[in-house]
Amino acid sequence: MEYPESYELVFQASAVADDTVVVRRTERAGPGGSPVYEDDTGIVRAEISEHGDVRMLASGGHQAPSSSVTARARG
């Protein structure tokens, strides 16, 4: 299975504009076996399946990963 090199994660929020973050594929796999993607800071991490399903992964303590995230392939 070929996975895109990067995605835009779109965090949907009510009453404000959506926030987007670019994440790139790493060499790691997540709990579901799909690739882990992360932003340049390493703070935003997500496992993204071949169907575009997003599972946010905590990168440190006291994080509450968002559940309203969609992914758009970038290439």
C-alpha atoms as a PDB file:
ATOM      1  CA  MET A   1       0.000   0.000   0.000  1.00  0.00           C
ATOM      2  CA  GLU A   2       1.331   3.410  -0.975  1.00  0.00           C
ATOM      3  CA  TYR A   3       0.696   6.119   1.588  1.00  0.00           C
ATOM      4  CA  PRO A   4       0.997   9.841   0.816  1.00  0.00           C
ATOM      5  CA  GLU A   5       4.137  11.604   2.045  1.00  0.00           C
ATOM      6  CA  SER A   6       2.119  14.341   3.729  1.00  0.00           C
ATOM      7  CA  TYR A   7      -1.375  15.388   4.763  1.00  0.00           C
ATOM      8  CA  GLU A   8      -3.090  18.535   5.887  1.00  0.00           C
ATOM      9  CA  LEU A   9      -4.924  17.874   9.126  1.00  0.00           C
ATOM     10  CA  VAL A  10      -7.993  20.075   9.418  1.00  0.00           C
ATOM     11  CA  PHE A  11      -9.121  20.737  12.978  1.00  0.00           C
ATOM     12  CA  GLN A  12     -12.747  21.828  12.877  1.00  0.00           C
ATOM     13  CA  ALA A  13     -13.854  24.320  15.492  1.00  0.00           C
ATOM     14  CA  SER A  14     -17.173  26.027  16.010  1.00  0.00           C
ATOM     15  CA  ALA A  15     -17.332  29.835  15.993  1.00  0.00           C
ATOM     16  CA  VAL A  16     -13.773  30.196  14.624  1.00  0.00           C
ATOM     17  CA  ALA A  17     -11.996  29.366  11.375  1.00  0.00           C
ATOM     18  CA  ASP A  18     -10.708  25.822  10.909  1.00  0.00           C
ATOM     19  CA  ASP A  19      -7.050  25.302  11.806  1.00  0.00           C
ATOM     20  CA  THR A  20      -4.794  23.283   9.484  1.00  0.00           C
ATOM     21  CA  VAL A  21      -1.460  21.629  10.206  1.00  0.00           C
ATOM     22  CA  VAL A  22       0.804  19.902   7.682  1.00  0.00           C
ATOM     23  CA  VAL A  23       2.103  16.513   8.831  1.00  0.00           C
ATOM     24  CA  ARG A  24       4.656  14.258   7.138  1.00  0.00           C
ATOM     25  CA  ARG A  25       4.989  10.482   7.204  1.00  0.00           C
ATOM     26  CA  THR A  26       7.483   9.016   9.657  1.00  0.00           C
ATOM     27  CA  GLU A  27       9.026   5.545   9.745  1.00  0.00           C
ATOM     28  CA  ARG A  28       6.802   4.586  12.694  1.00  0.00           C
ATOM     29  CA  ALA A  29       3.473   2.745  12.680  1.00  0.00           C
ATOM     30  CA  GLY A  30       0.639   3.469  15.092  1.00  0.00           C
ATOM     31  CA  PRO A  31      -1.419   1.099  17.230  1.00  0.00           C
ATOM     32  CA  GLY A  32      -3.610   0.218  14.237  1.00  0.00           C
ATOM     33  CA  GLY A  33      -0.612  -0.576  12.008  1.00  0.00           C
ATOM     34  CA  SER A  34      -0.938   2.489   9.766  1.00  0.00           C
ATOM     35  CA  PRO A  35       1.828   5.088   9.352  1.00  0.00           C
ATOM     36  CA  VAL A  36       2.335   7.827  11.922  1.00  0.00           C
ATOM     37  CA  TYR A  37       2.529  11.376  10.578  1.00  0.00           C
ATOM     38  CA  GLU A  38       3.822  14.377  12.515  1.00  0.00           C
ATOM     39  CA  ASP A  39       4.369  18.108  12.069  1.00  0.00           C
ATOM     40  CA  ASP A  40       7.795  19.769  12.020  1.00  0.00           C
ATOM     41  CA  THR A  41       7.709  20.289  15.805  1.00  0.00           C
ATOM     42  CA  GLY A  42       6.846  16.659  16.592  1.00  0.00           C
ATOM     43  CA  ILE A  43       3.977  17.834  18.777  1.00  0.00           C
ATOM     44  CA  VAL A  44       1.098  17.048  16.395  1.00  0.00           C
ATOM     45  CA  ARG A  45       1.053  13.310  15.687  1.00  0.00           C
ATOM     46  CA  ALA A  46      -1.566  11.224  13.956  1.00  0.00           C
ATOM     47  CA  GLU A  47      -1.968   7.720  12.644  1.00  0.00           C
ATOM     48  CA  ILE A  48      -3.705   7.900   9.259  1.00  0.00           C
ATOM     49  CA  SER A  49      -5.158   4.782   7.645  1.00  0.00           C
ATOM     50  CA  GLU A  50      -5.271   3.964   3.941  1.00  0.00           C
ATOM     51  CA  HIS A  51      -8.900   5.171   3.996  1.00  0.00           C
ATOM     52  CA  GLY A  52      -7.971   8.552   5.493  1.00  0.00           C
ATOM     53  CA  ASP A  53      -9.199   7.747   9.001  1.00  0.00           C
ATOM     54  CA  VAL A  54      -7.325   9.851  11.556  1.00  0.00           C
ATOM     55  CA  ARG A  55      -6.322   8.744  15.052  1.00  0.00           C
ATOM     56  CA  MET A  56      -4.607  11.543  16.958  1.00  0.00           C
ATOM     57  CA  LEU A  57      -1.707  10.399  19.134  1.00  0.00           C
ATOM     58  CA  ALA A  58      -0.538  12.188  22.264  1.00  0.00           C
ATOM     59  CA  SER A  59       3.082  13.322  22.089  1.00  0.00           C
ATOM     60  CA  GLY A  60       3.339  14.387  25.717  1.00  0.00           C
ATOM     61  CA  GLY A  61       1.493  14.605  28.986  1.00  0.00           C
ATOM     62  CA  HIS A  62      -1.666  16.625  29.584  1.00  0.00           C
ATOM     63  CA  GLN A  63      -2.807  16.464  25.947  1.00  0.00           C
ATOM     64  CA  ALA A  64      -6.405  15.841  24.989  1.00  0.00           C
ATOM     65  CA  PRO A  65      -6.240  14.826  21.306  1.00  0.00           C
ATOM     66  CA  SER A  66      -9.042  16.263  19.214  1.00  0.00           C
ATOM     67  CA  SER A  67     -11.592  13.913  17.741  1.00  0.00           C
ATOM     68  CA  SER A  68     -12.924  16.298  15.055  1.00  0.00           C
ATOM     69  CA  VAL A  69     -10.038  16.068  12.589  1.00  0.00           C
ATOM     70  CA  THR A  70     -10.044  15.286   8.891  1.00  0.00           C
ATOM     71  CA  ALA A  71      -7.069  14.591   6.632  1.00  0.00           C
ATOM     72  CA  ARG A  72      -6.419  15.854   3.099  1.00  0.00           C
ATOM     73  CA  ALA A  73      -3.622  14.116   1.178  1.00  0.00           C
ATOM     74  CA  ARG A  74      -0.986  16.464  -0.175  1.00  0.00           C
ATOM     75  CA  GLY A  75       1.077  14.123  -2.301  1.00  0.00           C
END
